[in-house]
């Protein structure tokens, strides 16, 4: 499994292209879609899907153009599906000063769903709290944690649909993963679950 990270100028959100053989998925496409498209072209990758870890504007900013350019479908957890078409829920009005929407999801993900990329399987872990439909994707020793878990921190729970108590319950699920799991968060630097179990206040 190959992982290519792009960092957006919009709220420094992390976008990941996960690929194996000639197949890829893009996790949380950033607004700078051209650099994603350029990478896909150079690596001769077929885009299987656009996967959103949740429905906030900074994580869905590239959905529209990437879907048009590649024909790839948008996938998101069923509980965040409404965020794609609602600027109030996806916070684009607040963050950008104007409403932004995404194409409708063609697949609504649920806990335990699997996404196959070449020979790699990414398993959906439903981790609500930041939003009702926040997910993490686990595969090959890597966890793409969206805005659920960061290095030394966690996602906010004070936005519409957020819930701090539910977020704490989601974190308990992640604590049970192998400690050597590498965390690829929606913002900030990579870390490991072992590191976070030792130093992240929210995982104590």
N, C-alpha and C. Protein backbone atom coordinates (compact mmCIF):
# COMPACT_ATOMS: atom_id res chain seq x y z
N UNK A 1 0.84 -1.20 0.00
CA UNK A 1 0.00 0.00 0.00
C UNK A 1 0.87 1.25 0.00
N UNK A 2 0.60 2.14 -0.94
CA UNK A 2 1.31 3.41 -1.03
C UNK A 2 0.40 4.53 -0.49
N UNK A 3 0.99 5.44 0.26
CA UNK A 3 0.24 6.57 0.82
C UNK A 3 0.92 7.87 0.40
N UNK A 4 0.18 8.71 -0.28
CA UNK A 4 0.68 10.03 -0.68
C UNK A 4 -0.17 11.08 0.03
N UNK A 5 0.50 11.98 0.73
CA UNK A 5 -0.19 13.01 1.52
C UNK A 5 -0.08 14.36 0.84
N UNK A 6 -1.20 15.08 0.80
CA UNK A 6 -1.24 16.46 0.34
C UNK A 6 -1.81 17.31 1.48
N UNK A 7 -1.25 18.50 1.66
CA UNK A 7 -1.73 19.40 2.70
C UNK A 7 -2.31 20.65 2.05
N UNK A 8 -3.53 20.97 2.40
CA UNK A 8 -4.23 22.10 1.78
C UNK A 8 -3.93 23.41 2.49
N UNK A 9 -4.05 24.49 1.74
CA UNK A 9 -3.96 25.82 2.35
C UNK A 9 -5.22 26.13 3.15
N UNK A 10 -6.30 25.42 2.88
CA UNK A 10 -7.55 25.63 3.61
C UNK A 10 -7.51 24.86 4.92
N UNK A 11 -7.22 25.55 5.99
CA UNK A 11 -7.22 24.97 7.33
C UNK A 11 -6.23 23.82 7.48
N UNK A 12 -5.21 23.80 6.61
CA UNK A 12 -4.14 22.80 6.68
C UNK A 12 -4.68 21.38 6.79
N UNK A 13 -5.70 21.09 6.01
CA UNK A 13 -6.29 19.75 6.03
C UNK A 13 -5.42 18.78 5.25
N UNK A 14 -5.33 17.55 5.74
CA UNK A 14 -4.56 16.50 5.07
C UNK A 14 -5.46 15.68 4.15
N UNK A 15 -4.98 15.49 2.94
CA UNK A 15 -5.63 14.62 1.97
C UNK A 15 -4.68 13.46 1.70
N UNK A 16 -5.22 12.25 1.59
CA UNK A 16 -4.39 11.08 1.34
C UNK A 16 -4.86 10.36 0.08
N UNK A 17 -3.89 10.02 -0.77
CA UNK A 17 -4.16 9.12 -1.88
C UNK A 17 -3.58 7.77 -1.47
N UNK A 18 -4.46 6.79 -1.33
CA UNK A 18 -4.05 5.45 -0.94
C UNK A 18 -4.15 4.55 -2.17
N UNK A 19 -3.04 3.92 -2.52
CA UNK A 19 -3.04 3.15 -3.77
C UNK A 19 -2.31 1.83 -3.61
N UNK A 20 -2.67 0.92 -4.47
CA UNK A 20 -1.96 -0.35 -4.61
C UNK A 20 -2.20 -0.86 -6.02
N UNK A 21 -1.13 -1.36 -6.63
CA UNK A 21 -1.18 -1.76 -8.03
C UNK A 21 -1.60 -0.52 -8.85
N UNK A 22 -2.70 -0.57 -9.58
CA UNK A 22 -3.09 0.58 -10.39
C UNK A 22 -4.39 1.22 -9.91
N UNK A 23 -4.77 0.93 -8.66
CA UNK A 23 -6.04 1.41 -8.11
C UNK A 23 -5.79 2.33 -6.93
N UNK A 24 -6.65 3.33 -6.77
CA UNK A 24 -6.48 4.27 -5.66
C UNK A 24 -7.83 4.76 -5.14
N UNK A 25 -7.81 5.23 -3.90
CA UNK A 25 -8.90 6.03 -3.36
C UNK A 25 -8.29 7.32 -2.85
N UNK A 26 -9.06 8.39 -2.92
CA UNK A 26 -8.65 9.66 -2.35
C UNK A 26 -9.47 9.89 -1.10
N UNK A 27 -8.80 10.11 0.01
CA UNK A 27 -9.45 10.36 1.28
C UNK A 27 -9.43 11.86 1.55
N UNK A 28 -10.60 12.46 1.65
CA UNK A 28 -10.76 13.89 1.95
C UNK A 28 -10.04 14.79 0.95
N UNK A 29 -10.52 14.83 -0.30
CA UNK A 29 -9.85 15.64 -1.32
C UNK A 29 -9.88 17.13 -0.98
N UNK A 30 -8.73 17.74 -1.05
CA UNK A 30 -8.60 19.16 -0.70
C UNK A 30 -8.98 20.03 -1.89
N UNK A 31 -9.06 21.32 -1.64
CA UNK A 31 -9.49 22.26 -2.67
C UNK A 31 -8.51 22.32 -3.84
N UNK A 32 -7.23 22.02 -3.57
CA UNK A 32 -6.21 22.06 -4.62
C UNK A 32 -6.23 20.74 -5.41
N UNK A 33 -7.27 20.53 -6.17
CA UNK A 33 -7.49 19.27 -6.86
C UNK A 33 -6.43 18.98 -7.92
N UNK A 34 -5.87 20.02 -8.52
CA UNK A 34 -4.92 19.81 -9.61
C UNK A 34 -3.73 18.96 -9.18
N UNK A 35 -3.26 19.15 -7.95
CA UNK A 35 -2.09 18.37 -7.53
C UNK A 35 -2.47 16.90 -7.31
N UNK A 36 -3.71 16.65 -6.94
CA UNK A 36 -4.17 15.26 -6.82
C UNK A 36 -4.27 14.63 -8.21
N UNK A 37 -4.87 15.35 -9.15
CA UNK A 37 -5.01 14.84 -10.51
C UNK A 37 -3.66 14.59 -11.15
N UNK A 38 -2.72 15.48 -10.92
CA UNK A 38 -1.38 15.33 -11.48
C UNK A 38 -0.72 14.06 -10.94
N UNK A 39 -0.88 13.81 -9.66
CA UNK A 39 -0.30 12.60 -9.05
C UNK A 39 -0.95 11.34 -9.63
N UNK A 40 -2.27 11.35 -9.75
CA UNK A 40 -2.97 10.19 -10.31
C UNK A 40 -2.51 9.90 -11.73
N UNK A 41 -2.33 10.97 -12.51
CA UNK A 41 -1.88 10.80 -13.89
C UNK A 41 -0.47 10.23 -13.95
N UNK A 42 0.43 10.81 -13.19
CA UNK A 42 1.83 10.39 -13.23
C UNK A 42 2.00 8.94 -12.76
N UNK A 43 1.19 8.55 -11.78
CA UNK A 43 1.29 7.20 -11.25
C UNK A 43 0.42 6.20 -12.02
N UNK A 44 -0.32 6.73 -13.01
CA UNK A 44 -1.22 5.90 -13.83
C UNK A 44 -2.19 5.11 -12.97
N UNK A 45 -2.87 5.84 -12.07
CA UNK A 45 -3.79 5.24 -11.12
C UNK A 45 -5.24 5.46 -11.53
N UNK A 46 -6.04 4.43 -11.40
CA UNK A 46 -7.48 4.54 -11.61
C UNK A 46 -8.13 4.83 -10.27
N UNK A 47 -8.92 5.90 -10.22
CA UNK A 47 -9.53 6.30 -8.96
C UNK A 47 -10.83 5.53 -8.75
N UNK A 48 -10.83 4.70 -7.72
CA UNK A 48 -11.99 3.89 -7.38
C UNK A 48 -13.09 4.73 -6.74
N UNK A 49 -12.69 5.62 -5.82
CA UNK A 49 -13.70 6.39 -5.09
C UNK A 49 -13.07 7.57 -4.38
N UNK A 50 -13.92 8.53 -4.08
CA UNK A 50 -13.59 9.67 -3.23
C UNK A 50 -14.24 9.39 -1.89
N UNK A 51 -13.44 9.22 -0.85
CA UNK A 51 -13.96 8.85 0.46
C UNK A 51 -13.80 10.01 1.43
N UNK A 52 -14.89 10.45 2.01
CA UNK A 52 -14.86 11.53 3.01
C UNK A 52 -14.95 10.95 4.41
N UNK A 53 -14.02 11.33 5.27
CA UNK A 53 -14.07 10.87 6.66
C UNK A 53 -15.21 11.54 7.43
N UNK A 54 -15.64 12.69 6.93
CA UNK A 54 -16.82 13.37 7.47
C UNK A 54 -17.18 14.49 6.51
N UNK A 55 -18.27 15.22 6.81
CA UNK A 55 -18.82 16.14 5.82
C UNK A 55 -18.48 17.60 5.95
N UNK A 56 -17.45 17.96 6.71
CA UNK A 56 -17.10 19.38 6.84
C UNK A 56 -16.41 19.91 5.58
N UNK A 57 -16.58 21.20 5.35
CA UNK A 57 -16.16 21.83 4.09
C UNK A 57 -14.71 21.59 3.73
N UNK A 58 -13.81 21.67 4.71
CA UNK A 58 -12.40 21.52 4.38
C UNK A 58 -12.05 20.10 3.92
N UNK A 59 -12.89 19.13 4.26
CA UNK A 59 -12.62 17.74 3.89
C UNK A 59 -13.38 17.30 2.64
N UNK A 60 -14.32 18.10 2.18
CA UNK A 60 -15.07 17.76 0.96
C UNK A 60 -14.84 18.78 -0.15
N UNK A 61 -13.90 19.70 0.08
CA UNK A 61 -13.71 20.84 -0.84
C UNK A 61 -13.40 20.42 -2.27
N UNK A 62 -12.70 19.29 -2.43
CA UNK A 62 -12.33 18.86 -3.78
C UNK A 62 -13.28 17.85 -4.40
N UNK A 63 -14.35 17.50 -3.70
CA UNK A 63 -15.25 16.46 -4.21
C UNK A 63 -15.78 16.75 -5.60
N UNK A 64 -16.31 17.96 -5.79
CA UNK A 64 -16.99 18.31 -7.02
C UNK A 64 -16.06 18.18 -8.23
N UNK A 65 -14.94 18.86 -8.19
CA UNK A 65 -14.05 18.84 -9.35
C UNK A 65 -13.43 17.46 -9.57
N UNK A 66 -13.03 16.81 -8.48
CA UNK A 66 -12.41 15.50 -8.64
C UNK A 66 -13.39 14.49 -9.22
N UNK A 67 -14.63 14.57 -8.79
CA UNK A 67 -15.66 13.66 -9.34
C UNK A 67 -15.88 13.93 -10.82
N UNK A 68 -15.92 15.20 -11.22
CA UNK A 68 -16.13 15.56 -12.63
C UNK A 68 -14.95 15.11 -13.48
N UNK A 69 -13.74 15.35 -12.99
CA UNK A 69 -12.53 15.05 -13.77
C UNK A 69 -12.26 13.56 -13.91
N UNK A 70 -12.63 12.77 -12.90
CA UNK A 70 -12.27 11.35 -12.91
C UNK A 70 -13.47 10.41 -13.07
N UNK A 71 -14.67 10.92 -12.81
CA UNK A 71 -15.84 10.07 -12.84
C UNK A 71 -15.99 9.21 -11.61
N UNK A 72 -15.13 9.41 -10.61
CA UNK A 72 -15.16 8.60 -9.39
C UNK A 72 -16.35 9.00 -8.51
N UNK A 73 -16.98 8.04 -7.84
CA UNK A 73 -18.10 8.34 -6.97
C UNK A 73 -17.64 8.85 -5.60
N UNK A 74 -18.53 9.56 -4.94
CA UNK A 74 -18.29 10.02 -3.57
C UNK A 74 -18.89 9.02 -2.60
N UNK A 75 -18.11 8.66 -1.59
CA UNK A 75 -18.58 7.76 -0.53
C UNK A 75 -18.42 8.47 0.81
N UNK A 76 -19.44 8.35 1.65
CA UNK A 76 -19.41 8.98 2.97
C UNK A 76 -20.31 8.16 3.89
N UNK A 77 -20.12 8.27 5.18
CA UNK A 77 -20.99 7.55 6.11
C UNK A 77 -22.42 8.07 6.00
N UNK A 78 -23.35 7.17 6.14
CA UNK A 78 -24.76 7.52 5.97
C UNK A 78 -25.22 8.66 6.88
N UNK A 79 -24.64 8.78 8.07
CA UNK A 79 -25.06 9.81 9.01
C UNK A 79 -24.57 11.20 8.64
N UNK A 80 -23.62 11.29 7.71
CA UNK A 80 -23.12 12.59 7.25
C UNK A 80 -23.54 12.90 5.82
N UNK A 81 -24.37 12.07 5.23
CA UNK A 81 -24.75 12.27 3.83
C UNK A 81 -25.38 13.64 3.59
N UNK A 82 -26.18 14.11 4.54
CA UNK A 82 -26.86 15.40 4.38
C UNK A 82 -25.89 16.58 4.37
N UNK A 83 -24.70 16.39 4.94
CA UNK A 83 -23.72 17.47 5.00
C UNK A 83 -23.26 17.89 3.60
N UNK A 84 -23.25 16.95 2.68
CA UNK A 84 -22.73 17.23 1.35
C UNK A 84 -23.50 18.33 0.63
N UNK A 85 -24.78 18.42 0.88
CA UNK A 85 -25.63 19.37 0.17
C UNK A 85 -26.10 20.53 1.04
N UNK A 86 -25.63 20.60 2.28
CA UNK A 86 -26.13 21.60 3.22
C UNK A 86 -24.98 22.47 3.74
N UNK A 87 -24.83 23.70 3.21
CA UNK A 87 -23.74 24.58 3.65
C UNK A 87 -23.77 24.91 5.14
N UNK A 88 -24.94 24.86 5.75
CA UNK A 88 -25.01 25.13 7.19
C UNK A 88 -24.38 23.98 7.98
N UNK A 89 -24.63 22.75 7.55
CA UNK A 89 -24.06 21.60 8.23
C UNK A 89 -22.57 21.45 7.91
N UNK A 90 -22.19 21.63 6.65
CA UNK A 90 -20.78 21.41 6.30
C UNK A 90 -19.89 22.60 6.65
N UNK A 91 -20.48 23.64 7.18
CA UNK A 91 -19.76 24.81 7.71
C UNK A 91 -19.09 25.66 6.64
N UNK A 92 -19.42 25.44 5.37
CA UNK A 92 -18.78 26.22 4.32
C UNK A 92 -19.16 27.69 4.39
N UNK A 93 -20.38 27.96 4.80
CA UNK A 93 -20.80 29.35 4.93
C UNK A 93 -19.94 30.08 5.97
N UNK A 94 -19.66 29.37 7.07
CA UNK A 94 -18.87 29.96 8.14
C UNK A 94 -17.39 30.02 7.77
N UNK A 95 -16.87 28.96 7.19
CA UNK A 95 -15.44 28.87 6.90
C UNK A 95 -15.05 29.69 5.67
N UNK A 96 -15.88 29.62 4.61
CA UNK A 96 -15.53 30.26 3.35
C UNK A 96 -16.27 31.57 3.09
N UNK A 97 -17.32 31.80 3.86
CA UNK A 97 -18.13 32.99 3.63
C UNK A 97 -19.12 32.80 2.50
N UNK A 98 -19.18 31.59 1.96
CA UNK A 98 -20.14 31.26 0.92
C UNK A 98 -20.44 29.76 0.97
N UNK A 99 -21.62 29.41 0.51
CA UNK A 99 -22.02 28.02 0.58
C UNK A 99 -21.29 27.15 -0.43
N UNK A 100 -20.99 25.92 -0.04
CA UNK A 100 -20.33 24.96 -0.92
C UNK A 100 -21.05 23.63 -0.79
N UNK A 101 -21.24 22.96 -1.90
CA UNK A 101 -21.87 21.65 -1.87
C UNK A 101 -21.03 20.64 -2.64
N UNK A 102 -21.39 19.40 -2.50
CA UNK A 102 -20.68 18.29 -3.13
C UNK A 102 -21.68 17.43 -3.89
N UNK A 103 -21.20 16.67 -4.86
CA UNK A 103 -22.10 15.69 -5.47
C UNK A 103 -22.67 14.75 -4.42
N UNK A 104 -23.83 14.24 -4.68
CA UNK A 104 -24.47 13.29 -3.77
C UNK A 104 -23.63 12.02 -3.68
N UNK A 105 -23.60 11.44 -2.49
CA UNK A 105 -22.84 10.20 -2.31
C UNK A 105 -23.52 9.05 -3.05
N UNK A 106 -22.71 8.27 -3.75
CA UNK A 106 -23.23 7.09 -4.44
C UNK A 106 -23.16 5.84 -3.58
N UNK A 107 -22.39 5.91 -2.53
CA UNK A 107 -22.35 4.80 -1.56
C UNK A 107 -22.36 5.38 -0.16
N UNK A 108 -23.26 4.92 0.67
CA UNK A 108 -23.35 5.35 2.06
C UNK A 108 -22.71 4.28 2.93
N UNK A 109 -21.64 4.65 3.59
CA UNK A 109 -20.85 3.71 4.37
C UNK A 109 -21.46 3.48 5.75
N UNK A 110 -21.19 2.31 6.29
CA UNK A 110 -21.59 1.97 7.65
C UNK A 110 -20.43 1.28 8.35
N UNK A 111 -20.52 1.17 9.64
CA UNK A 111 -19.46 0.55 10.44
C UNK A 111 -19.20 -0.87 9.95
N UNK A 112 -17.92 -1.18 9.73
CA UNK A 112 -17.55 -2.52 9.30
C UNK A 112 -17.47 -2.71 7.81
N UNK A 113 -17.94 -1.74 7.03
CA UNK A 113 -17.81 -1.84 5.58
C UNK A 113 -16.34 -1.94 5.19
N UNK A 114 -16.09 -2.56 4.06
CA UNK A 114 -14.72 -2.72 3.58
C UNK A 114 -14.55 -2.09 2.20
N UNK A 115 -13.41 -1.44 2.02
CA UNK A 115 -13.06 -0.82 0.76
C UNK A 115 -11.77 -1.49 0.27
N UNK A 116 -11.83 -2.11 -0.88
CA UNK A 116 -10.69 -2.85 -1.40
C UNK A 116 -9.92 -2.00 -2.41
N UNK A 117 -8.64 -1.81 -2.13
CA UNK A 117 -7.75 -1.05 -3.01
C UNK A 117 -6.61 -1.96 -3.40
N UNK A 118 -6.66 -2.51 -4.61
CA UNK A 118 -5.67 -3.51 -4.98
C UNK A 118 -5.83 -4.70 -4.05
N UNK A 119 -4.73 -5.04 -3.35
CA UNK A 119 -4.78 -6.13 -2.39
C UNK A 119 -4.99 -5.66 -0.96
N UNK A 120 -5.21 -4.38 -0.77
CA UNK A 120 -5.40 -3.81 0.56
C UNK A 120 -6.88 -3.63 0.86
N UNK A 121 -7.26 -3.96 2.08
CA UNK A 121 -8.64 -3.75 2.52
C UNK A 121 -8.65 -2.68 3.61
N UNK A 122 -9.42 -1.63 3.38
CA UNK A 122 -9.63 -0.59 4.38
C UNK A 122 -10.99 -0.83 5.02
N UNK A 123 -11.00 -0.97 6.34
CA UNK A 123 -12.23 -1.22 7.07
C UNK A 123 -12.74 0.06 7.70
N UNK A 124 -14.02 0.33 7.51
CA UNK A 124 -14.65 1.52 8.06
C UNK A 124 -14.93 1.32 9.54
N UNK A 125 -14.45 2.26 10.36
CA UNK A 125 -14.77 2.29 11.79
C UNK A 125 -15.58 3.56 12.03
N UNK A 126 -16.82 3.40 12.42
CA UNK A 126 -17.67 4.56 12.68
C UNK A 126 -17.26 5.17 14.02
N UNK A 127 -16.83 6.43 13.96
CA UNK A 127 -16.34 7.12 15.17
C UNK A 127 -17.04 8.47 15.32
N UNK A 128 -18.34 8.47 15.60
CA UNK A 128 -19.07 9.74 15.74
C UNK A 128 -18.57 10.56 16.92
N UNK A 129 -18.93 11.82 16.89
CA UNK A 129 -18.54 12.74 17.97
C UNK A 129 -18.14 14.08 17.40
N UNK A 130 -17.22 14.08 16.43
CA UNK A 130 -16.90 15.32 15.71
C UNK A 130 -18.08 15.69 14.82
N UNK A 131 -18.58 14.71 14.10
CA UNK A 131 -19.86 14.78 13.39
C UNK A 131 -20.55 13.43 13.62
N UNK A 132 -21.85 13.34 13.34
CA UNK A 132 -22.54 12.06 13.53
C UNK A 132 -22.00 10.93 12.67
N UNK A 133 -21.47 11.28 11.49
CA UNK A 133 -21.01 10.26 10.56
C UNK A 133 -19.51 10.20 10.39
N UNK A 134 -18.75 10.71 11.35
CA UNK A 134 -17.29 10.63 11.24
C UNK A 134 -16.85 9.18 11.22
N UNK A 135 -15.85 8.90 10.37
CA UNK A 135 -15.30 7.56 10.28
C UNK A 135 -13.78 7.61 10.31
N UNK A 136 -13.20 6.46 10.66
CA UNK A 136 -11.78 6.20 10.45
C UNK A 136 -11.69 5.02 9.50
N UNK A 137 -10.57 4.91 8.80
CA UNK A 137 -10.33 3.80 7.88
C UNK A 137 -9.08 3.08 8.32
N UNK A 138 -9.21 1.77 8.55
CA UNK A 138 -8.11 0.97 9.08
C UNK A 138 -7.68 -0.08 8.07
N UNK A 139 -6.37 -0.13 7.79
CA UNK A 139 -5.86 -1.14 6.88
C UNK A 139 -4.35 -1.17 6.84
N UNK A 140 -3.76 -2.35 6.81
CA UNK A 140 -2.31 -2.53 6.67
C UNK A 140 -1.53 -1.75 7.71
N UNK A 141 -2.01 -1.75 8.94
CA UNK A 141 -1.29 -1.08 10.02
C UNK A 141 -1.43 0.42 10.04
N UNK A 142 -2.32 0.96 9.23
CA UNK A 142 -2.53 2.41 9.16
C UNK A 142 -3.97 2.75 9.52
N UNK A 143 -4.15 3.86 10.22
CA UNK A 143 -5.49 4.36 10.54
C UNK A 143 -5.61 5.78 10.03
N UNK A 144 -6.51 6.00 9.08
CA UNK A 144 -6.81 7.34 8.59
C UNK A 144 -7.94 7.86 9.47
N UNK A 145 -7.60 8.78 10.36
CA UNK A 145 -8.49 9.10 11.48
C UNK A 145 -9.33 10.35 11.29
N UNK A 146 -9.24 11.00 10.12
CA UNK A 146 -10.06 12.19 9.92
C UNK A 146 -9.88 13.19 11.04
N UNK A 147 -10.98 13.72 11.52
CA UNK A 147 -10.92 14.68 12.63
C UNK A 147 -11.35 14.06 13.95
N UNK A 148 -11.22 12.74 14.04
CA UNK A 148 -11.52 12.07 15.30
C UNK A 148 -10.32 12.11 16.23
N UNK A 149 -9.15 11.77 15.72
CA UNK A 149 -7.94 11.69 16.54
C UNK A 149 -6.78 12.37 15.85
N UNK A 150 -6.10 13.25 16.59
CA UNK A 150 -4.91 13.95 16.10
C UNK A 150 -3.72 13.59 17.00
N UNK A 151 -2.55 14.01 16.58
CA UNK A 151 -1.37 13.93 17.44
C UNK A 151 -1.60 14.85 18.64
N UNK A 152 -1.65 14.28 19.83
CA UNK A 152 -1.80 15.00 21.10
C UNK A 152 -3.14 15.72 21.26
N UNK A 153 -4.11 15.40 20.42
CA UNK A 153 -5.40 16.07 20.53
C UNK A 153 -6.49 15.23 19.86
N UNK A 154 -7.70 15.78 19.87
CA UNK A 154 -8.84 15.13 19.20
C UNK A 154 -9.65 16.21 18.50
N UNK A 155 -10.63 15.79 17.71
CA UNK A 155 -11.47 16.73 16.99
C UNK A 155 -12.42 17.48 17.91
N UNK A 156 -12.84 18.64 17.48
CA UNK A 156 -13.81 19.43 18.23
C UNK A 156 -15.17 18.76 18.21
N UNK A 157 -15.93 18.98 19.26
CA UNK A 157 -17.27 18.41 19.33
C UNK A 157 -18.34 19.48 19.53
N UNK A 158 -17.96 20.74 19.30
CA UNK A 158 -18.90 21.84 19.55
C UNK A 158 -19.52 22.40 18.27
N UNK A 159 -19.29 21.74 17.14
CA UNK A 159 -19.96 22.14 15.91
C UNK A 159 -21.33 21.47 15.84
N UNK A 160 -22.23 21.95 14.97
CA UNK A 160 -23.53 21.29 14.84
C UNK A 160 -23.38 19.80 14.57
N UNK A 161 -24.06 18.98 15.35
CA UNK A 161 -23.97 17.54 15.19
C UNK A 161 -22.88 16.90 16.02
N UNK A 162 -22.02 17.70 16.62
CA UNK A 162 -20.95 17.16 17.46
C UNK A 162 -21.46 16.79 18.84
N UNK A 163 -20.74 15.88 19.49
CA UNK A 163 -21.14 15.44 20.82
C UNK A 163 -19.91 14.91 21.54
N UNK A 164 -19.49 15.62 22.59
CA UNK A 164 -18.28 15.25 23.31
C UNK A 164 -18.36 13.89 23.97
N UNK A 165 -19.50 13.54 24.53
CA UNK A 165 -19.65 12.24 25.18
C UNK A 165 -19.52 11.11 24.18
N UNK A 166 -20.15 11.27 23.03
CA UNK A 166 -20.07 10.25 21.98
C UNK A 166 -18.65 10.16 21.43
N UNK A 167 -17.97 11.29 21.31
CA UNK A 167 -16.58 11.28 20.84
C UNK A 167 -15.71 10.47 21.78
N UNK A 168 -15.90 10.62 23.08
CA UNK A 168 -15.12 9.84 24.05
C UNK A 168 -15.38 8.35 23.89
N UNK A 169 -16.60 7.98 23.58
CA UNK A 169 -16.91 6.58 23.34
C UNK A 169 -16.20 6.07 22.08
N UNK A 170 -16.14 6.91 21.07
CA UNK A 170 -15.43 6.53 19.84
C UNK A 170 -13.95 6.33 20.10
N UNK A 171 -13.37 7.18 20.91
CA UNK A 171 -11.95 7.05 21.23
C UNK A 171 -11.66 5.74 21.96
N UNK A 172 -12.61 5.29 22.75
CA UNK A 172 -12.44 4.01 23.44
C UNK A 172 -12.31 2.87 22.43
N UNK A 173 -13.02 2.96 21.32
CA UNK A 173 -12.92 1.95 20.28
C UNK A 173 -11.50 1.95 19.68
N UNK A 174 -10.97 3.14 19.44
CA UNK A 174 -9.65 3.24 18.83
C UNK A 174 -8.55 2.76 19.77
N UNK A 175 -8.75 2.92 21.05
CA UNK A 175 -7.74 2.48 22.03
C UNK A 175 -7.49 0.98 21.96
N UNK A 176 -8.43 0.23 21.42
CA UNK A 176 -8.32 -1.23 21.38
C UNK A 176 -7.54 -1.73 20.16
N UNK A 177 -7.18 -0.82 19.26
CA UNK A 177 -6.41 -1.21 18.08
C UNK A 177 -4.97 -1.54 18.47
N UNK A 178 -4.22 -2.26 17.63
CA UNK A 178 -2.82 -2.56 17.94
C UNK A 178 -2.03 -1.27 18.17
N UNK A 179 -1.23 -1.21 19.23
CA UNK A 179 -0.50 0.03 19.55
C UNK A 179 0.46 0.49 18.47
N UNK A 180 0.91 -0.43 17.63
CA UNK A 180 1.85 -0.05 16.57
C UNK A 180 1.16 0.59 15.37
N UNK A 181 -0.16 0.71 15.42
CA UNK A 181 -0.91 1.34 14.33
C UNK A 181 -0.43 2.77 14.10
N UNK A 182 -0.16 3.10 12.85
CA UNK A 182 0.26 4.47 12.50
C UNK A 182 -0.99 5.29 12.22
N UNK A 183 -1.07 6.47 12.83
CA UNK A 183 -2.22 7.35 12.69
C UNK A 183 -1.94 8.42 11.63
N UNK A 184 -2.81 8.48 10.63
CA UNK A 184 -2.74 9.52 9.61
C UNK A 184 -3.96 10.43 9.81
N UNK A 185 -3.77 11.55 10.50
CA UNK A 185 -4.92 12.38 10.89
C UNK A 185 -5.36 13.36 9.81
N UNK A 186 -6.53 13.94 10.02
CA UNK A 186 -7.06 14.92 9.09
C UNK A 186 -6.36 16.26 9.12
N UNK A 187 -5.62 16.52 10.18
CA UNK A 187 -4.80 17.73 10.32
C UNK A 187 -3.56 17.36 11.12
N UNK A 188 -2.45 17.99 10.82
CA UNK A 188 -1.25 17.80 11.62
C UNK A 188 -0.41 16.60 11.22
N UNK A 189 0.51 16.26 12.09
CA UNK A 189 1.52 15.24 11.80
C UNK A 189 1.03 13.84 12.08
N UNK A 190 1.66 12.87 11.40
CA UNK A 190 1.39 11.47 11.69
C UNK A 190 1.90 11.13 13.09
N UNK A 191 1.33 10.09 13.65
CA UNK A 191 1.75 9.63 14.97
C UNK A 191 1.48 8.15 15.04
N UNK A 192 1.59 7.56 16.21
CA UNK A 192 1.26 6.15 16.40
C UNK A 192 0.28 6.04 17.56
N UNK A 193 -0.47 4.98 17.57
CA UNK A 193 -1.41 4.79 18.68
C UNK A 193 -0.64 4.63 19.99
N UNK A 194 0.50 3.95 19.93
CA UNK A 194 1.32 3.79 21.13
C UNK A 194 1.71 5.15 21.71
N UNK A 195 2.10 6.06 20.83
CA UNK A 195 2.48 7.42 21.26
C UNK A 195 1.29 8.14 21.87
N UNK A 196 0.14 8.00 21.25
CA UNK A 196 -1.04 8.71 21.75
C UNK A 196 -1.55 8.11 23.05
N UNK A 197 -1.46 6.81 23.18
CA UNK A 197 -1.87 6.18 24.44
C UNK A 197 -1.00 6.66 25.60
N UNK A 198 0.25 6.96 25.29
CA UNK A 198 1.19 7.40 26.33
C UNK A 198 1.08 8.89 26.63
N UNK A 199 0.74 9.71 25.63
CA UNK A 199 0.85 11.16 25.80
C UNK A 199 -0.40 11.97 25.51
N UNK A 200 -1.40 11.38 24.88
CA UNK A 200 -2.60 12.14 24.53
C UNK A 200 -3.58 12.10 25.71
N UNK A 201 -3.82 13.26 26.29
CA UNK A 201 -4.69 13.37 27.47
C UNK A 201 -6.05 12.72 27.22
N UNK A 202 -6.55 12.85 26.00
CA UNK A 202 -7.91 12.39 25.71
C UNK A 202 -8.02 10.86 25.60
N UNK A 203 -6.89 10.18 25.54
CA UNK A 203 -6.90 8.72 25.47
C UNK A 203 -6.55 8.07 26.81
N UNK A 204 -6.38 8.87 27.83
CA UNK A 204 -6.03 8.31 29.14
C UNK A 204 -7.27 7.80 29.85
